[in-house]
C-alpha atoms as a PDB file:
ATOM      1  CA  MET A   1      55.480  -2.076  75.035  1.00  0.00           C
ATOM      2  CA  ASN A   2      58.621   0.033  75.386  1.00  0.00           C
ATOM      3  CA  ASN A   3      61.289  -1.939  73.349  1.00  0.00           C
ATOM      4  CA  ALA A   4      64.155  -0.616  75.497  1.00  0.00           C
ATOM      5  CA  ARG A   5      62.763  -1.856  78.969  1.00  0.00           C
ATOM      6  CA  ARG A   6      60.461  -4.840  77.847  1.00  0.00           C
ATOM      7  CA  HIS A   7      63.003  -7.409  77.454  1.00  0.00           C
ATOM      8  CA  GLY A   8      65.990  -9.256  78.891  1.00  0.00           C
ATOM      9  CA  GLN A   9      67.041 -11.167  75.884  1.00  0.00           C
ATOM     10  CA  SER A  10      68.502 -10.436  72.435  1.00  0.00           C
ATOM     11  CA  TRP A  11      64.935  -9.542  71.423  1.00  0.00           C
ATOM     12  CA  PRO A  12      63.335  -6.084  72.491  1.00  0.00           C
ATOM     13  CA  ARG A  13      60.613  -7.073  75.317  1.00  0.00           C
ATOM     14  CA  ARG A  14      57.268  -6.113  75.178  1.00  0.00           C
ATOM     15  CA  ALA A  15      52.115  -7.124  79.218  1.00  0.00           C
ATOM     16  CA  PHE A  16      39.619  -6.789  85.716  1.00  0.00           C
ATOM     17  CA  ARG A  17      37.755  -6.347  88.526  1.00  0.00           C
ATOM     18  CA  ALA A  18      37.304  -2.512  88.533  1.00  0.00           C
ATOM     19  CA  ILE A  19      38.690  -0.785  91.730  1.00  0.00           C
ATOM     20  CA  SER A  20      37.542   2.762  90.686  1.00  0.00           C
ATOM     21  CA  THR A  21      36.913   4.223  87.229  1.00  0.00           C
ATOM     22  CA  THR A  22      36.937   7.764  88.088  1.00  0.00           C
ATOM     23  CA  ALA A  23      40.052   8.354  90.360  1.00  0.00           C
ATOM     24  CA  PRO A  24      42.654   9.958  87.882  1.00  0.00           C
ATOM     25  CA  CYS A  25      46.411   7.924  87.006  1.00  0.00           C
ATOM     26  CA  ALA A  26      49.357  10.154  87.090  1.00  0.00           C
ATOM     27  CA  ALA A  27      49.837  10.131  83.542  1.00  0.00           C
ATOM     28  CA  PRO A  28      51.737  13.418  82.038  1.00  0.00           C
ATOM     29  CA  GLU A  29      51.002  11.923  78.500  1.00  0.00           C
ATOM     30  CA  ARG A  30      47.221  11.371  78.614  1.00  0.00           C
ATOM     31  CA  GLN A  31      45.747  14.283  76.445  1.00  0.00           C
ATOM     32  CA  SER A  32      42.936  15.669  77.479  1.00  0.00           C
ATOM     33  CA  GLY A  33      40.902  14.725  74.417  1.00  0.00           C
ATOM     34  CA  MET A  34      40.981  11.138  75.864  1.00  0.00           C
ATOM     35  CA  ASP A  35      37.572   9.704  76.788  1.00  0.00           C
ATOM     36  CA  SER A  36      37.979   9.959  80.909  1.00  0.00           C
ATOM     37  CA  THR A  37      35.270   7.449  81.540  1.00  0.00           C
ATOM     38  CA  LEU A  38      37.555   4.532  79.896  1.00  0.00           C
ATOM     39  CA  LEU A  39      38.951   2.021  82.508  1.00  0.00           C
ATOM     40  CA  LYS A  40      42.510   2.252  83.166  1.00  0.00           C
ATOM     41  CA  GLY A  41      45.223  -0.312  82.935  1.00  0.00           C
ATOM     42  CA  ILE A  42      48.844  -1.223  82.979  1.00  0.00           C
ATOM     43  CA  ASP A  43      51.108  -3.810  81.853  1.00  0.00           C
ATOM     44  CA  VAL A  44      54.071  -4.792  83.508  1.00  0.00           C
ATOM     45  CA  SER A  45      57.042  -7.083  83.661  1.00  0.00           C
ATOM     46  CA  HIS A  46      60.138  -7.617  85.556  1.00  0.00           C
ATOM     47  CA  PHE A  47      61.476  -3.988  84.217  1.00  0.00           C
ATOM     48  CA  GLN A  48      59.373  -2.432  86.714  1.00  0.00           C
ATOM     49  CA  GLY A  49      60.878  -4.478  89.699  1.00  0.00           C
ATOM     50  CA  ARG A  50      58.483  -4.731  92.663  1.00  0.00           C
ATOM     51  CA  ILE A  51      55.388  -3.092  92.809  1.00  0.00           C
ATOM     52  CA  ASP A  52      53.569  -1.945  95.685  1.00  0.00           C
ATOM     53  CA  TRP A  53      49.704  -3.058  94.249  1.00  0.00           C
ATOM     54  CA  PRO A  54      47.530  -2.023  96.502  1.00  0.00           C
ATOM     55  CA  LYS A  55      48.680   1.648  96.083  1.00  0.00           C
ATOM     56  CA  VAL A  56      48.703   1.108  92.083  1.00  0.00           C
ATOM     57  CA  ALA A  57      44.959   0.214  93.040  1.00  0.00           C
ATOM     58  CA  GLN A  58      44.190   3.044  95.055  1.00  0.00           C
ATOM     59  CA  GLN A  59      45.033   5.383  91.958  1.00  0.00           C
ATOM     60  CA  GLY A  60      42.066   3.929  89.835  1.00  0.00           C
ATOM     61  CA  ILE A  61      43.886   1.007  88.001  1.00  0.00           C
ATOM     62  CA  ALA A  62      40.967  -1.563  87.095  1.00  0.00           C
ATOM     63  CA  PHE A  63      43.211  -3.827  85.200  1.00  0.00           C
ATOM     64  CA  ALA A  64      46.745  -5.018  84.672  1.00  0.00           C
ATOM     65  CA  TYR A  65      48.579  -7.676  82.676  1.00  0.00           C
ATOM     66  CA  ALA A  66      51.721  -8.955  83.319  1.00  0.00           C
ATOM     67  CA  LYS A  67      54.382 -10.458  81.391  1.00  0.00           C
ATOM     68  CA  ALA A  68      54.397 -14.363  81.632  1.00  0.00           C
ATOM     69  CA  SER A  69      57.067 -15.744  79.304  1.00  0.00           C
ATOM     70  CA  GLU A  70      58.808 -15.425  76.203  1.00  0.00           C
ATOM     71  CA  GLY A  71      59.881 -17.482  73.535  1.00  0.00           C
ATOM     72  CA  SER A  72      60.199 -21.445  74.314  1.00  0.00           C
ATOM     73  CA  GLY A  73      61.922 -20.900  77.736  1.00  0.00           C
ATOM     74  CA  VAL A  74      62.031 -17.580  79.079  1.00  0.00           C
ATOM     75  CA  THR A  75      59.756 -17.130  82.315  1.00  0.00           C
ATOM     76  CA  ASP A  76      59.787 -13.472  83.660  1.00  0.00           C
ATOM     77  CA  ALA A  77      61.224 -13.199  86.872  1.00  0.00           C
ATOM     78  CA  MET A  78      58.223 -11.165  88.642  1.00  0.00           C
ATOM     79  CA  PHE A  79      55.367 -12.546  87.018  1.00  0.00           C
ATOM     80  CA  GLY A  80      54.403 -14.980  90.299  1.00  0.00           C
ATOM     81  CA  ALA A  81      54.715 -11.875  92.151  1.00  0.00           C
ATOM     82  CA  ASN A  82      52.739  -9.606  90.176  1.00  0.00           C
ATOM     83  CA  TYR A  83      50.066 -12.033  89.126  1.00  0.00           C
ATOM     84  CA  GLN A  84      49.256 -12.723  92.960  1.00  0.00           C
ATOM     85  CA  GLY A  85      49.787  -8.924  93.993  1.00  0.00           C
ATOM     86  CA  MET A  86      47.115  -7.983  91.323  1.00  0.00           C
ATOM     87  CA  ARG A  87      44.664 -10.375  92.511  1.00  0.00           C
ATOM     88  CA  ALA A  88      45.352  -9.759  96.196  1.00  0.00           C
ATOM     89  CA  ALA A  89      44.508  -5.730  95.423  1.00  0.00           C
ATOM     90  CA  GLY A  90      41.462  -6.553  93.750  1.00  0.00           C
ATOM     91  CA  ILE A  91      42.945  -5.828  90.421  1.00  0.00           C
ATOM     92  CA  ALA A  92      41.617  -7.417  87.450  1.00  0.00           C
ATOM     93  CA  ARG A  93      44.673  -9.489  86.047  1.00  0.00           C
ATOM     94  CA  GLY A  94      46.085 -10.857  82.714  1.00  0.00           C
ATOM     95  CA  ALA A  95      49.077 -12.439  81.775  1.00  0.00           C
ATOM     96  CA  TYR A  96      51.002 -12.184  78.142  1.00  0.00           C
ATOM     97  CA  HIS A  97      53.619 -13.844  76.026  1.00  0.00           C
ATOM     98  CA  PHE A  98      56.235 -12.261  74.070  1.00  0.00           C
ATOM     99  CA  LEU A  99      56.144 -13.858  70.679  1.00  0.00           C
ATOM    100  CA  HIS A 100      59.513 -14.900  69.099  1.00  0.00           C
ATOM    101  CA  ALA A 101      58.422 -15.481  65.264  1.00  0.00           C
ATOM    102  CA  ASP A 102      61.374 -17.858  64.710  1.00  0.00           C
ATOM    103  CA  VAL A 103      60.462 -20.396  67.266  1.00  0.00           C
ATOM    104  CA  ASP A 104      58.169 -23.137  67.196  1.00  0.00           C
ATOM    105  CA  ALA A 105      54.698 -21.733  67.897  1.00  0.00           C
ATOM    106  CA  GLY A 106      53.223 -24.912  70.090  1.00  0.00           C
ATOM    107  CA  GLN A 107      56.596 -24.806  72.005  1.00  0.00           C
ATOM    108  CA  GLN A 108      56.012 -21.231  72.956  1.00  0.00           C
ATOM    109  CA  ALA A 109      52.225 -21.979  73.653  1.00  0.00           C
ATOM    110  CA  ARG A 110      52.653 -24.796  75.956  1.00  0.00           C
ATOM    111  CA  HIS A 111      55.701 -22.766  77.659  1.00  0.00           C
ATOM    112  CA  PHE A 112      53.431 -20.113  78.578  1.00  0.00           C
ATOM    113  CA  LEU A 113      50.442 -22.132  79.690  1.00  0.00           C
ATOM    114  CA  SER A 114      52.941 -24.152  81.873  1.00  0.00           C
ATOM    115  CA  VAL A 115      53.731 -20.788  83.600  1.00  0.00           C
ATOM    116  CA  LEU A 116      50.576 -19.501  83.733  1.00  0.00           C
ATOM    117  CA  GLY A 117      48.996 -22.409  85.468  1.00  0.00           C
ATOM    118  CA  ALA A 118      45.339 -22.704  86.016  1.00  0.00           C
ATOM    119  CA  PRO A 119      43.179 -19.854  85.583  1.00  0.00           C
ATOM    120  CA  GLU A 120      41.181 -18.469  88.530  1.00  0.00           C
ATOM    121  CA  ALA A 121      37.852 -17.044  88.257  1.00  0.00           C
ATOM    122  CA  GLY A 122      37.614 -13.510  87.269  1.00  0.00           C
ATOM    123  CA  ASP A 123      41.266 -13.791  85.184  1.00  0.00           C
ATOM    124  CA  LEU A 124      41.394 -11.519  81.898  1.00  0.00           C
ATOM    125  CA  PRO A 125      41.963 -13.620  78.977  1.00  0.00           C
ATOM    126  CA  PRO A 126      45.519 -13.931  77.748  1.00  0.00           C
ATOM    127  CA  MET A 127      47.677 -11.768  75.587  1.00  0.00           C
ATOM    128  CA  LEU A 128      49.959 -12.356  72.753  1.00  0.00           C
ATOM    129  CA  ASP A 129      52.508  -9.442  72.146  1.00  0.00           C
ATOM    130  CA  VAL A 130      53.618  -9.439  68.443  1.00  0.00           C
ATOM    131  CA  GLU A 131      56.416  -6.411  67.838  1.00  0.00           C
ATOM    132  CA  THR A 132      59.195  -8.001  66.473  1.00  0.00           C
ATOM    133  CA  ALA A 133      59.875  -9.941  63.168  1.00  0.00           C
ATOM    134  CA  CYS A 134      62.870 -12.006  64.186  1.00  0.00           C
ATOM    135  CA  GLY A 135      63.867 -11.692  60.864  1.00  0.00           C
ATOM    136  CA  MET A 136      61.117 -13.912  59.613  1.00  0.00           C
ATOM    137  CA  PRO A 137      58.819 -12.848  56.626  1.00  0.00           C
ATOM    138  CA  CYS A 138      55.067 -12.070  57.056  1.00  0.00           C
ATOM    139  CA  ALA A 139      53.732 -15.438  56.347  1.00  0.00           C
ATOM    140  CA  ALA A 140      55.834 -16.904  58.764  1.00  0.00           C
ATOM    141  CA  ILE A 141      55.178 -14.505  61.807  1.00  0.00           C
ATOM    142  CA  ASP A 142      51.570 -14.724  60.820  1.00  0.00           C
ATOM    143  CA  SER A 143      51.617 -18.690  60.995  1.00  0.00           C
ATOM    144  CA  CYS A 144      53.454 -18.337  64.228  1.00  0.00           C
ATOM    145  CA  ALA A 145      51.093 -15.934  66.088  1.00  0.00           C
ATOM    146  CA  LEU A 146      47.893 -17.937  64.669  1.00  0.00           C
ATOM    147  CA  GLU A 147      49.067 -20.931  65.899  1.00  0.00           C
ATOM    148  CA  TRP A 148      50.190 -19.592  69.420  1.00  0.00           C
ATOM    149  CA  LEU A 149      46.422 -18.056  69.505  1.00  0.00           C
ATOM    150  CA  THR A 150      44.637 -21.280  68.549  1.00  0.00           C
ATOM    151  CA  GLU A 151      46.512 -23.818  70.862  1.00  0.00           C
ATOM    152  CA  VAL A 152      46.306 -21.402  74.054  1.00  0.00           C
ATOM    153  CA  GLN A 153      42.425 -20.646  73.057  1.00  0.00           C
ATOM    154  CA  LYS A 154      41.958 -24.222  72.678  1.00  0.00           C
ATOM    155  CA  ALA A 155      43.562 -24.973  76.166  1.00  0.00           C
ATOM    156  CA  LEU A 156      41.925 -22.159  78.262  1.00  0.00           C
ATOM    157  CA  GLY A 157      38.532 -21.607  76.182  1.00  0.00           C
ATOM    158  CA  CYS A 158      38.547 -17.798  76.038  1.00  0.00           C
ATOM    159  CA  THR A 159      39.702 -15.881  73.242  1.00  0.00           C
ATOM    160  CA  PRO A 160      43.310 -14.530  73.461  1.00  0.00           C
ATOM    161  CA  LEU A 161      43.857 -10.844  72.658  1.00  0.00           C
ATOM    162  CA  ILE A 162      46.833  -9.666  70.158  1.00  0.00           C
ATOM    163  CA  TYR A 163      48.931  -6.455  71.179  1.00  0.00           C
ATOM    164  CA  SER A 164      51.086  -4.919  68.351  1.00  0.00           C
ATOM    165  CA  SER A 165      51.735  -1.439  67.296  1.00  0.00           C
ATOM    166  CA  LEU A 166      49.971   0.154  64.488  1.00  0.00           C
ATOM    167  CA  SER A 167      53.124   0.214  62.207  1.00  0.00           C
ATOM    168  CA  PHE A 168      53.907  -3.419  62.560  1.00  0.00           C
ATOM    169  CA  TRP A 169      50.649  -4.640  62.273  1.00  0.00           C
ATOM    170  CA  ASN A 170      50.228  -2.721  58.810  1.00  0.00           C
ATOM    171  CA  SER A 171      53.589  -4.071  57.635  1.00  0.00           C
ATOM    172  CA  ASN A 172      53.460  -7.593  59.139  1.00  0.00           C
ATOM    173  CA  LEU A 173      50.106  -8.701  60.186  1.00  0.00           C
ATOM    174  CA  ALA A 174      47.221  -7.112  57.977  1.00  0.00           C
ATOM    175  CA  GLY A 175      47.219  -9.365  55.220  1.00  0.00           C
ATOM    176  CA  CYS A 176      46.054 -12.157  57.975  1.00  0.00           C
ATOM    177  CA  ALA A 177      42.298 -12.292  58.193  1.00  0.00           C
ATOM    178  CA  ALA A 178      42.379 -14.630  60.754  1.00  0.00           C
ATOM    179  CA  LEU A 179      44.546 -12.362  63.317  1.00  0.00           C
ATOM    180  CA  CYS A 180      42.175  -9.423  62.163  1.00  0.00           C
ATOM    181  CA  ALA A 181      39.419 -11.211  63.707  1.00  0.00           C
ATOM    182  CA  TYR A 182      41.071 -11.470  67.117  1.00  0.00           C
ATOM    183  CA  PRO A 183      40.351  -8.603  69.871  1.00  0.00           C
ATOM    184  CA  LEU A 184      43.104  -5.964  69.266  1.00  0.00           C
ATOM    185  CA  TRP A 185      45.487  -4.399  71.955  1.00  0.00           C
ATOM    186  CA  ILE A 186      46.740  -1.814  70.016  1.00  0.00           C
ATOM    187  CA  ALA A 187      50.082   0.512  70.751  1.00  0.00           C
ATOM    188  CA  GLU A 188      49.913   4.226  69.456  1.00  0.00           C
ATOM    189  CA  TYR A 189      51.107   7.021  71.110  1.00  0.00           C
ATOM    190  CA  THR A 190      49.138  10.358  69.953  1.00  0.00           C
ATOM    191  CA  THR A 191      47.568  13.001  70.814  1.00  0.00           C
ATOM    192  CA  ALA A 192      44.226  12.144  69.270  1.00  0.00           C
ATOM    193  CA  ALA A 193      41.274  11.117  71.386  1.00  0.00           C
ATOM    194  CA  ALA A 194      41.249   7.633  69.771  1.00  0.00           C
ATOM    195  CA  PRO A 195      43.825   5.455  68.231  1.00  0.00           C
ATOM    196  CA  VAL A 196      44.044   4.581  64.421  1.00  0.00           C
ATOM    197  CA  VAL A 197      42.483   1.253  63.793  1.00  0.00           C
ATOM    198  CA  PRO A 198      45.291  -0.874  61.806  1.00  0.00           C
ATOM    199  CA  HIS A 199      44.628  -2.171  58.299  1.00  0.00           C
ATOM    200  CA  GLY A 200      41.543  -5.265  58.310  1.00  0.00           C
ATOM    201  CA  VAL A 201      40.875  -4.491  61.690  1.00  0.00           C
ATOM    202  CA  SER A 202      36.883  -3.098  62.848  1.00  0.00           C
ATOM    203  CA  GLY A 203      37.863  -1.839  66.099  1.00  0.00           C
ATOM    204  CA  TYR A 204      40.279  -2.326  69.364  1.00  0.00           C
ATOM    205  CA  THR A 205      39.595  -3.828  72.641  1.00  0.00           C
ATOM    206  CA  ILE A 206      42.486  -1.860  74.813  1.00  0.00           C
ATOM    207  CA  TRP A 207      44.766   0.924  73.845  1.00  0.00           C
ATOM    208  CA  GLN A 208      48.161   1.512  75.053  1.00  0.00           C
ATOM    209  CA  HIS A 209      48.377   5.022  74.651  1.00  0.00           C
ATOM    210  CA  ALA A 210      51.653   5.812  76.622  1.00  0.00           C
ATOM    211  CA  GLN A 211      54.918   3.991  77.441  1.00  0.00           C
ATOM    212  CA  THR A 212      56.256   6.465  80.285  1.00  0.00           C
ATOM    213  CA  GLY A 213      53.571   7.138  82.447  1.00  0.00           C
ATOM    214  CA  THR A 214      53.935   7.121  85.971  1.00  0.00           C
ATOM    215  CA  LEU A 215      52.242   6.039  88.916  1.00  0.00           C
ATOM    216  CA  ASP A 216      52.456   5.564  93.146  1.00  0.00           C
ATOM    217  CA  GLY A 217      53.995   2.223  93.856  1.00  0.00           C
ATOM    218  CA  ILE A 218      55.904   1.841  90.876  1.00  0.00           C
ATOM    219  CA  ALA A 219      59.800   2.987  90.533  1.00  0.00           C
ATOM    220  CA  GLY A 220      60.398   4.170  86.845  1.00  0.00           C
ATOM    221  CA  ALA A 221      58.162   4.082  83.870  1.00  0.00           C
ATOM    222  CA  VAL A 222      55.375   2.166  83.213  1.00  0.00           C
ATOM    223  CA  ASP A 223      53.041   1.430  80.296  1.00  0.00           C
ATOM    224  CA  LEU A 224      49.530   2.950  80.230  1.00  0.00           C
ATOM    225  CA  ASP A 225      46.480   1.537  78.769  1.00  0.00           C
ATOM    226  CA  LEU A 226      42.402   2.028  78.414  1.00  0.00           C
ATOM    227  CA  PHE A 227      39.812  -0.517  77.737  1.00  0.00           C
ATOM    228  CA  ASN A 228      37.148   0.305  74.855  1.00  0.00           C
ATOM    229  CA  GLY A 229      34.465  -0.483  76.966  1.00  0.00           C
ATOM    230  CA  SER A 230      32.376  -0.830  80.461  1.00  0.00           C
ATOM    231  CA  ALA A 231      33.438  -2.886  83.683  1.00  0.00           C
ATOM    232  CA  GLU A 232      30.610  -5.416  82.612  1.00  0.00           C
ATOM    233  CA  ALA A 233      32.311  -6.006  79.101  1.00  0.00           C
ATOM    234  CA  LEU A 234      35.982  -5.953  80.971  1.00  0.00           C
ATOM    235  CA  ALA A 235      34.432  -9.001  83.145  1.00  0.00           C
ATOM    236  CA  GLN A 236      32.849 -10.880  80.196  1.00  0.00           C
ATOM    237  CA  LEU A 237      36.653 -11.103  78.344  1.00  0.00           C
ATOM    238  CA  GLY A 238      37.922 -13.949  80.267  1.00  0.00           C
ATOM    239  CA  ARG A 239      34.606 -15.998  80.309  1.00  0.00           C
ATOM    240  CA  PRO A 240      34.697 -19.173  78.165  1.00  0.00           C
ATOM    241  CA  ALA A 241      32.918 -19.024  74.970  1.00  0.00           C
ATOM    242  CA  ALA A 242      29.337 -20.503  75.318  1.00  0.00           C
END
């Protein structure tokens, strides 16, 4: 997620019921080699301001994630409006947390859960945004991320996704086999038809392929994402494990 826009604090910020899988997004960065059948999504925060979600839905956006929280005490100012607006517009919705690797992971998980509230039927699993070291060594980053993921998974009964860039993952997270087992949301801006998968990971679930996309209903740039699967697979993501 675009570091310059993602986050209002001292650290850089970084976030499915299908409406239409055929209508094009207004996304100049999208390359012709990409699979046009993949479900389109976006991730947003207060940096996008107030969003016209019905207008966004009309452009074929099947899913969206909104930033809910950061660290142990920051709540995104637009989370409530975004989360309600997604659902009202018929867009499958999810929420994400921006990790501070130098802050207690349990406190961060509990803060995120308090902001999220009780999930509703059809909600997507949460996502953990891991893209800054906060001056911590790899082992500390890995441990913090894994503790957050474990606590949130236990509380919600579904498996969270983990977001990172290719370079950050390979430099900081690739050595942790437990993190490699979580569904991956990879940020990689390339002209290729698919992203490069980081070391230790067998595949990806969501690909953030652009960070300066444009859509009617959103002022300024927005991150653009693709789900690597069908609408049915997307709907299964948020369901509790049997």
